[in-house]
Amino acid sequence: MMPIPCLIQREVDVYVAMSRARELATAVGFGAVDRTRIEIVILELTRNLLVHARGGTLTLTRLSDSVRGAGIVIEATDTGPGIADIELALQDGYSTAHTLGAGLPGVRRLMDEFSIESTVGVGTRVRAVKWLTTPQRRAIYGC
């Protein structure tokens, strides 16, 4: 499947991206709880794009891996001011926008894989992956 780019420039774009992510997550086979997690991640990342970078692009891609199975990758990219201290930005409670400071740390917790790259004055790229865990796999690896 081709990547689904979502240009995020206005508030309404947030909800369009969430709808596209919900459709993709359903097509991949995610249950209600994981679809909600994915929607929260979309909400956090798109709001960051609007608040901190005055917009950017959110890209949704369906993954298929012979070992891990199916999944979704969510990438948020911008050409905003960048993040001077990524470690600080990933701490719960830290915010430059006078919010609760749960955005990036929450995204990291909700997803299976998380990475962030940022250069001050150039922009930021956040990549988050959620893998579909089938009940059979859960039974094998669960406690």
N, C-alpha and C. Protein backbone atom coordinates (compact mmCIF):
# COMPACT_ATOMS: atom_id res chain seq x y z
N MET A 1 0.84 -1.19 0.00
CA MET A 1 0.00 0.00 0.00
C MET A 1 0.88 1.24 0.00
N MET A 2 0.46 2.22 -0.73
CA MET A 2 1.19 3.48 -0.83
C MET A 2 1.00 4.29 0.46
N PRO A 3 2.00 5.08 0.82
CA PRO A 3 1.84 5.95 1.98
C PRO A 3 0.68 6.93 1.77
N ILE A 4 0.04 7.29 2.85
CA ILE A 4 -1.07 8.24 2.82
C ILE A 4 -0.58 9.54 3.45
N PRO A 5 -0.27 10.55 2.62
CA PRO A 5 0.18 11.83 3.19
C PRO A 5 -1.02 12.69 3.60
N CYS A 6 -0.90 13.34 4.74
CA CYS A 6 -1.93 14.25 5.23
C CYS A 6 -1.25 15.58 5.53
N LEU A 7 -1.56 16.58 4.74
CA LEU A 7 -1.02 17.91 4.99
C LEU A 7 -1.76 18.52 6.17
N ILE A 8 -1.02 18.96 7.17
CA ILE A 8 -1.62 19.51 8.39
C ILE A 8 -1.31 21.01 8.43
N GLN A 9 -2.34 21.80 8.10
CA GLN A 9 -2.18 23.26 8.11
C GLN A 9 -3.24 23.96 8.93
N ARG A 10 -4.38 23.26 9.13
CA ARG A 10 -5.50 23.85 9.85
C ARG A 10 -6.07 22.81 10.82
N GLU A 11 -6.88 23.27 11.74
CA GLU A 11 -7.49 22.39 12.74
C GLU A 11 -8.27 21.24 12.09
N VAL A 12 -8.99 21.52 11.02
CA VAL A 12 -9.79 20.48 10.37
C VAL A 12 -8.91 19.36 9.83
N ASP A 13 -7.66 19.66 9.46
CA ASP A 13 -6.74 18.65 8.94
C ASP A 13 -6.43 17.58 9.98
N VAL A 14 -6.48 17.95 11.26
CA VAL A 14 -6.26 17.00 12.35
C VAL A 14 -7.29 15.89 12.28
N TYR A 15 -8.54 16.26 12.09
CA TYR A 15 -9.63 15.29 12.10
C TYR A 15 -9.67 14.47 10.81
N VAL A 16 -9.24 15.05 9.71
CA VAL A 16 -9.12 14.29 8.47
C VAL A 16 -8.05 13.21 8.64
N ALA A 17 -6.91 13.58 9.24
CA ALA A 17 -5.83 12.62 9.47
C ALA A 17 -6.28 11.52 10.43
N MET A 18 -7.02 11.88 11.47
CA MET A 18 -7.52 10.87 12.41
C MET A 18 -8.47 9.90 11.71
N SER A 19 -9.31 10.41 10.83
CA SER A 19 -10.24 9.56 10.10
C SER A 19 -9.50 8.60 9.18
N ARG A 20 -8.49 9.09 8.48
CA ARG A 20 -7.71 8.23 7.60
C ARG A 20 -6.95 7.17 8.39
N ALA A 21 -6.43 7.56 9.56
CA ALA A 21 -5.72 6.60 10.40
C ALA A 21 -6.68 5.53 10.93
N ARG A 22 -7.89 5.93 11.31
CA ARG A 22 -8.88 4.99 11.79
C ARG A 22 -9.23 3.97 10.70
N GLU A 23 -9.42 4.46 9.48
CA GLU A 23 -9.73 3.57 8.35
C GLU A 23 -8.59 2.60 8.08
N LEU A 24 -7.35 3.10 8.10
CA LEU A 24 -6.19 2.24 7.86
C LEU A 24 -6.04 1.22 8.98
N ALA A 25 -6.18 1.66 10.23
CA ALA A 25 -6.05 0.75 11.37
C ALA A 25 -7.11 -0.36 11.31
N THR A 26 -8.31 -0.01 10.90
CA THR A 26 -9.37 -1.01 10.75
C THR A 26 -9.02 -1.99 9.66
N ALA A 27 -8.51 -1.48 8.53
CA ALA A 27 -8.14 -2.35 7.40
C ALA A 27 -7.01 -3.31 7.77
N VAL A 28 -6.09 -2.85 8.61
CA VAL A 28 -4.97 -3.69 9.04
C VAL A 28 -5.45 -4.76 10.01
N GLY A 29 -6.51 -4.47 10.76
CA GLY A 29 -7.06 -5.45 11.68
C GLY A 29 -6.92 -5.10 13.15
N PHE A 30 -6.59 -3.85 13.46
CA PHE A 30 -6.46 -3.44 14.85
C PHE A 30 -7.82 -3.42 15.52
N GLY A 31 -7.85 -3.81 16.79
CA GLY A 31 -9.06 -3.75 17.59
C GLY A 31 -9.32 -2.35 18.08
N ALA A 32 -10.44 -2.18 18.78
CA ALA A 32 -10.88 -0.86 19.24
C ALA A 32 -9.85 -0.16 20.12
N VAL A 33 -9.23 -0.89 21.03
CA VAL A 33 -8.27 -0.27 21.95
C VAL A 33 -7.06 0.26 21.20
N ASP A 34 -6.49 -0.54 20.31
CA ASP A 34 -5.33 -0.07 19.55
C ASP A 34 -5.69 1.02 18.55
N ARG A 35 -6.90 0.96 17.99
CA ARG A 35 -7.33 2.06 17.09
C ARG A 35 -7.40 3.36 17.88
N THR A 36 -7.88 3.29 19.11
CA THR A 36 -7.95 4.49 19.95
C THR A 36 -6.55 5.00 20.26
N ARG A 37 -5.63 4.10 20.56
CA ARG A 37 -4.24 4.51 20.81
C ARG A 37 -3.66 5.23 19.59
N ILE A 38 -3.91 4.67 18.42
CA ILE A 38 -3.41 5.27 17.18
C ILE A 38 -4.04 6.65 16.97
N GLU A 39 -5.31 6.78 17.23
CA GLU A 39 -5.98 8.08 17.09
C GLU A 39 -5.41 9.11 18.07
N ILE A 40 -5.11 8.70 19.28
CA ILE A 40 -4.50 9.62 20.26
C ILE A 40 -3.14 10.08 19.76
N VAL A 41 -2.36 9.16 19.22
CA VAL A 41 -1.04 9.50 18.67
C VAL A 41 -1.19 10.51 17.53
N ILE A 42 -2.15 10.27 16.64
CA ILE A 42 -2.40 11.20 15.54
C ILE A 42 -2.75 12.57 16.09
N LEU A 43 -3.63 12.61 17.07
CA LEU A 43 -4.04 13.87 17.68
C LEU A 43 -2.85 14.60 18.27
N GLU A 44 -2.02 13.91 19.03
CA GLU A 44 -0.86 14.55 19.66
C GLU A 44 0.13 15.08 18.61
N LEU A 45 0.45 14.24 17.62
CA LEU A 45 1.45 14.64 16.63
C LEU A 45 0.96 15.78 15.74
N THR A 46 -0.31 15.73 15.35
CA THR A 46 -0.82 16.81 14.49
C THR A 46 -0.95 18.12 15.26
N ARG A 47 -1.33 18.03 16.51
CA ARG A 47 -1.39 19.26 17.32
C ARG A 47 0.00 19.86 17.50
N ASN A 48 1.00 18.99 17.68
CA ASN A 48 2.38 19.50 17.75
C ASN A 48 2.77 20.20 16.45
N LEU A 49 2.38 19.60 15.32
CA LEU A 49 2.69 20.23 14.03
C LEU A 49 2.07 21.63 13.96
N LEU A 50 0.83 21.77 14.38
CA LEU A 50 0.15 23.06 14.31
C LEU A 50 0.71 24.07 15.31
N VAL A 51 0.88 23.63 16.54
CA VAL A 51 1.28 24.55 17.61
C VAL A 51 2.74 24.97 17.50
N HIS A 52 3.61 24.02 17.25
CA HIS A 52 5.04 24.31 17.30
C HIS A 52 5.67 24.66 15.96
N ALA A 53 5.10 24.15 14.86
CA ALA A 53 5.74 24.34 13.56
C ALA A 53 4.85 25.06 12.56
N ARG A 54 3.66 25.44 12.98
CA ARG A 54 2.69 26.09 12.09
C ARG A 54 2.30 25.20 10.90
N GLY A 55 2.39 23.88 11.12
CA GLY A 55 1.97 22.92 10.10
C GLY A 55 3.09 21.98 9.71
N GLY A 56 2.71 21.00 8.91
CA GLY A 56 3.67 19.99 8.46
C GLY A 56 2.92 18.88 7.76
N THR A 57 3.54 17.72 7.70
CA THR A 57 2.93 16.58 7.03
C THR A 57 2.92 15.37 7.95
N LEU A 58 1.79 14.69 7.99
CA LEU A 58 1.66 13.44 8.70
C LEU A 58 1.48 12.37 7.63
N THR A 59 2.28 11.32 7.69
CA THR A 59 2.21 10.26 6.70
C THR A 59 1.89 8.94 7.39
N LEU A 60 0.91 8.23 6.85
CA LEU A 60 0.48 6.93 7.37
C LEU A 60 0.87 5.86 6.36
N THR A 61 1.50 4.80 6.84
CA THR A 61 1.91 3.73 5.94
C THR A 61 1.60 2.38 6.57
N ARG A 62 1.01 1.51 5.78
CA ARG A 62 0.75 0.14 6.22
C ARG A 62 2.05 -0.65 6.12
N LEU A 63 2.37 -1.40 7.17
CA LEU A 63 3.58 -2.21 7.19
C LEU A 63 3.23 -3.68 7.06
N SER A 64 4.12 -4.42 6.45
CA SER A 64 4.01 -5.87 6.38
C SER A 64 5.41 -6.43 6.50
N ASP A 65 5.62 -7.21 7.55
CA ASP A 65 6.94 -7.76 7.84
C ASP A 65 6.80 -9.26 8.06
N SER A 66 7.71 -10.03 7.49
CA SER A 66 7.61 -11.48 7.61
C SER A 66 7.76 -11.97 9.05
N VAL A 67 8.41 -11.21 9.89
CA VAL A 67 8.61 -11.61 11.28
C VAL A 67 7.56 -10.96 12.20
N ARG A 68 7.38 -9.64 12.07
CA ARG A 68 6.50 -8.90 12.98
C ARG A 68 5.05 -8.90 12.55
N GLY A 69 4.78 -9.18 11.28
CA GLY A 69 3.41 -9.18 10.79
C GLY A 69 3.01 -7.83 10.23
N ALA A 70 1.76 -7.43 10.49
CA ALA A 70 1.23 -6.19 9.96
C ALA A 70 1.35 -5.08 10.99
N GLY A 71 1.37 -3.86 10.50
CA GLY A 71 1.45 -2.72 11.39
C GLY A 71 1.21 -1.43 10.64
N ILE A 72 1.35 -0.35 11.36
CA ILE A 72 1.19 1.00 10.81
C ILE A 72 2.37 1.84 11.29
N VAL A 73 2.91 2.61 10.36
CA VAL A 73 3.92 3.60 10.74
C VAL A 73 3.30 4.99 10.54
N ILE A 74 3.52 5.83 11.52
CA ILE A 74 3.03 7.21 11.51
C ILE A 74 4.26 8.11 11.56
N GLU A 75 4.39 8.98 10.57
CA GLU A 75 5.51 9.92 10.55
C GLU A 75 4.99 11.35 10.49
N ALA A 76 5.49 12.17 11.37
CA ALA A 76 5.16 13.59 11.38
C ALA A 76 6.44 14.37 11.07
N THR A 77 6.39 15.19 10.03
CA THR A 77 7.57 15.98 9.65
C THR A 77 7.17 17.44 9.51
N ASP A 78 8.11 18.30 9.86
CA ASP A 78 7.87 19.73 9.72
C ASP A 78 9.17 20.46 9.43
N THR A 79 9.03 21.70 9.05
CA THR A 79 10.19 22.57 8.84
C THR A 79 10.12 23.73 9.83
N GLY A 80 9.71 23.40 11.05
CA GLY A 80 9.55 24.39 12.11
C GLY A 80 10.87 24.71 12.79
N PRO A 81 10.79 25.23 14.00
CA PRO A 81 11.97 25.70 14.71
C PRO A 81 12.88 24.58 15.23
N GLY A 82 12.38 23.35 15.26
CA GLY A 82 13.18 22.24 15.79
C GLY A 82 13.12 22.19 17.31
N ILE A 83 13.68 21.14 17.85
CA ILE A 83 13.69 20.92 19.30
C ILE A 83 15.13 20.96 19.77
N ALA A 84 15.45 21.91 20.63
CA ALA A 84 16.82 22.08 21.10
C ALA A 84 17.29 20.93 21.99
N ASP A 85 16.41 20.43 22.86
CA ASP A 85 16.78 19.38 23.80
C ASP A 85 15.73 18.27 23.74
N ILE A 86 15.98 17.27 22.92
CA ILE A 86 15.02 16.18 22.72
C ILE A 86 14.77 15.42 24.02
N GLU A 87 15.80 15.13 24.78
CA GLU A 87 15.62 14.40 26.04
C GLU A 87 14.69 15.15 26.99
N LEU A 88 14.83 16.46 27.06
CA LEU A 88 13.95 17.26 27.90
C LEU A 88 12.52 17.23 27.36
N ALA A 89 12.36 17.32 26.04
CA ALA A 89 11.04 17.30 25.42
C ALA A 89 10.32 15.97 25.64
N LEU A 90 11.08 14.90 25.89
CA LEU A 90 10.49 13.59 26.10
C LEU A 90 10.18 13.30 27.58
N GLN A 91 10.41 14.28 28.45
CA GLN A 91 10.10 14.11 29.86
C GLN A 91 8.65 14.49 30.12
N ASP A 92 7.95 13.66 30.89
CA ASP A 92 6.58 13.98 31.27
C ASP A 92 6.53 15.32 31.97
N GLY A 93 5.57 16.14 31.57
CA GLY A 93 5.37 17.42 32.23
C GLY A 93 6.11 18.57 31.59
N TYR A 94 7.05 18.31 30.69
CA TYR A 94 7.78 19.41 30.04
C TYR A 94 6.96 19.94 28.87
N SER A 95 6.79 21.24 28.80
CA SER A 95 6.04 21.85 27.71
C SER A 95 6.53 23.25 27.44
N THR A 96 6.63 23.61 26.17
CA THR A 96 6.93 24.98 25.80
C THR A 96 5.66 25.71 25.38
N ALA A 97 4.55 24.98 25.32
CA ALA A 97 3.27 25.55 24.86
C ALA A 97 2.26 25.68 26.00
N HIS A 98 2.73 25.59 27.25
CA HIS A 98 1.87 25.73 28.42
C HIS A 98 0.74 24.69 28.44
N THR A 99 1.10 23.44 28.09
CA THR A 99 0.16 22.33 28.14
C THR A 99 0.61 21.37 29.24
N LEU A 100 0.00 20.21 29.31
CA LEU A 100 0.36 19.23 30.33
C LEU A 100 1.71 18.57 30.07
N GLY A 101 2.24 18.69 28.88
CA GLY A 101 3.53 18.08 28.57
C GLY A 101 3.47 16.58 28.47
N ALA A 102 2.34 16.06 27.98
CA ALA A 102 2.18 14.61 27.87
C ALA A 102 2.28 14.13 26.43
N GLY A 103 2.40 15.03 25.46
CA GLY A 103 2.35 14.69 24.04
C GLY A 103 3.39 13.68 23.58
N LEU A 104 4.63 14.09 23.45
CA LEU A 104 5.67 13.18 22.95
C LEU A 104 5.92 12.00 23.88
N PRO A 105 5.97 12.20 25.20
CA PRO A 105 6.13 11.02 26.07
C PRO A 105 4.96 10.04 25.93
N GLY A 106 3.76 10.57 25.74
CA GLY A 106 2.60 9.72 25.56
C GLY A 106 2.65 8.94 24.26
N VAL A 107 3.08 9.61 23.20
CA VAL A 107 3.22 8.94 21.91
C VAL A 107 4.21 7.79 22.05
N ARG A 108 5.31 8.04 22.71
CA ARG A 108 6.33 7.00 22.90
C ARG A 108 5.76 5.80 23.66
N ARG A 109 4.94 6.06 24.68
CA ARG A 109 4.37 4.96 25.47
C ARG A 109 3.29 4.19 24.72
N LEU A 110 2.52 4.86 23.90
CA LEU A 110 1.40 4.23 23.22
C LEU A 110 1.80 3.36 22.03
N MET A 111 2.99 3.60 21.50
CA MET A 111 3.41 2.90 20.28
C MET A 111 4.49 1.86 20.62
N ASP A 112 4.72 0.94 19.68
CA ASP A 112 5.72 -0.11 19.88
C ASP A 112 7.13 0.36 19.55
N GLU A 113 7.25 1.27 18.61
CA GLU A 113 8.55 1.84 18.23
C GLU A 113 8.38 3.34 18.14
N PHE A 114 9.43 4.07 18.50
CA PHE A 114 9.37 5.53 18.50
C PHE A 114 10.77 6.08 18.24
N SER A 115 10.85 7.06 17.35
CA SER A 115 12.12 7.75 17.15
C SER A 115 11.82 9.21 16.80
N ILE A 116 12.77 10.06 17.14
CA ILE A 116 12.62 11.48 16.85
C ILE A 116 13.97 12.04 16.44
N GLU A 117 13.94 12.85 15.40
CA GLU A 117 15.13 13.56 14.94
C GLU A 117 14.74 15.02 14.81
N SER A 118 15.60 15.91 15.27
CA SER A 118 15.29 17.33 15.17
C SER A 118 16.56 18.14 15.08
N THR A 119 16.50 19.16 14.26
CA THR A 119 17.60 20.11 14.12
C THR A 119 17.03 21.50 14.29
N VAL A 120 17.59 22.26 15.22
CA VAL A 120 17.13 23.61 15.48
C VAL A 120 17.25 24.43 14.20
N GLY A 121 16.17 25.11 13.86
CA GLY A 121 16.14 25.94 12.67
C GLY A 121 15.84 25.19 11.38
N VAL A 122 15.75 23.86 11.45
CA VAL A 122 15.51 23.06 10.25
C VAL A 122 14.18 22.32 10.32
N GLY A 123 13.90 21.68 11.46
CA GLY A 123 12.65 20.96 11.61
C GLY A 123 12.78 19.68 12.39
N THR A 124 11.68 18.94 12.45
CA THR A 124 11.58 17.74 13.27
C THR A 124 10.90 16.63 12.50
N ARG A 125 11.33 15.40 12.78
CA ARG A 125 10.69 14.20 12.21
C ARG A 125 10.47 13.21 13.35
N VAL A 126 9.21 12.82 13.55
CA VAL A 126 8.85 11.82 14.54
C VAL A 126 8.32 10.61 13.79
N ARG A 127 8.80 9.43 14.16
CA ARG A 127 8.35 8.18 13.54
C ARG A 127 7.88 7.25 14.65
N ALA A 128 6.64 6.75 14.51
CA ALA A 128 6.07 5.86 15.51
C ALA A 128 5.43 4.68 14.79
N VAL A 129 5.64 3.47 15.33
CA VAL A 129 5.12 2.25 14.71
C VAL A 129 4.27 1.50 15.73
N LYS A 130 3.14 1.01 15.24
CA LYS A 130 2.28 0.13 16.04
C LYS A 130 2.13 -1.17 15.27
N TRP A 131 2.48 -2.28 15.91
CA TRP A 131 2.37 -3.61 15.29
C TRP A 131 1.09 -4.26 15.73
N LEU A 132 0.48 -4.97 14.81
CA LEU A 132 -0.72 -5.74 15.12
C LEU A 132 -0.28 -7.01 15.84
N THR A 133 -0.81 -7.20 17.03
CA THR A 133 -0.50 -8.40 17.81
C THR A 133 -1.73 -9.28 17.78
N THR A 134 -1.62 -10.43 17.16
CA THR A 134 -2.77 -11.32 17.09
C THR A 134 -2.96 -12.02 18.43
N PRO A 135 -4.17 -12.48 18.73
CA PRO A 135 -4.40 -13.20 19.99
C PRO A 135 -3.48 -14.41 20.14
N GLN A 136 -3.16 -15.08 19.04
CA GLN A 136 -2.28 -16.24 19.10
C GLN A 136 -0.89 -15.82 19.57
N ARG A 137 -0.39 -14.74 19.02
CA ARG A 137 0.93 -14.25 19.45
C ARG A 137 0.90 -13.83 20.91
N ARG A 138 -0.18 -13.17 21.33
CA ARG A 138 -0.29 -12.74 22.70
C ARG A 138 -0.20 -13.94 23.65
N ALA A 139 -0.82 -15.02 23.25
CA ALA A 139 -0.82 -16.21 24.08
C ALA A 139 0.58 -16.81 24.17
N ILE A 140 1.34 -16.73 23.10
CA ILE A 140 2.69 -17.27 23.09
C ILE A 140 3.64 -16.41 23.93
N TYR A 141 3.52 -15.09 23.79
CA TYR A 141 4.47 -14.20 24.44
C TYR A 141 3.95 -13.61 25.75
N GLY A 142 2.65 -13.72 26.01
CA GLY A 142 2.08 -13.12 27.20
C GLY A 142 2.33 -13.93 28.45
N CYS A 143 2.18 -13.29 29.57
CA CYS A 143 2.33 -13.95 30.87
C CYS A 143 0.99 -14.07 31.55
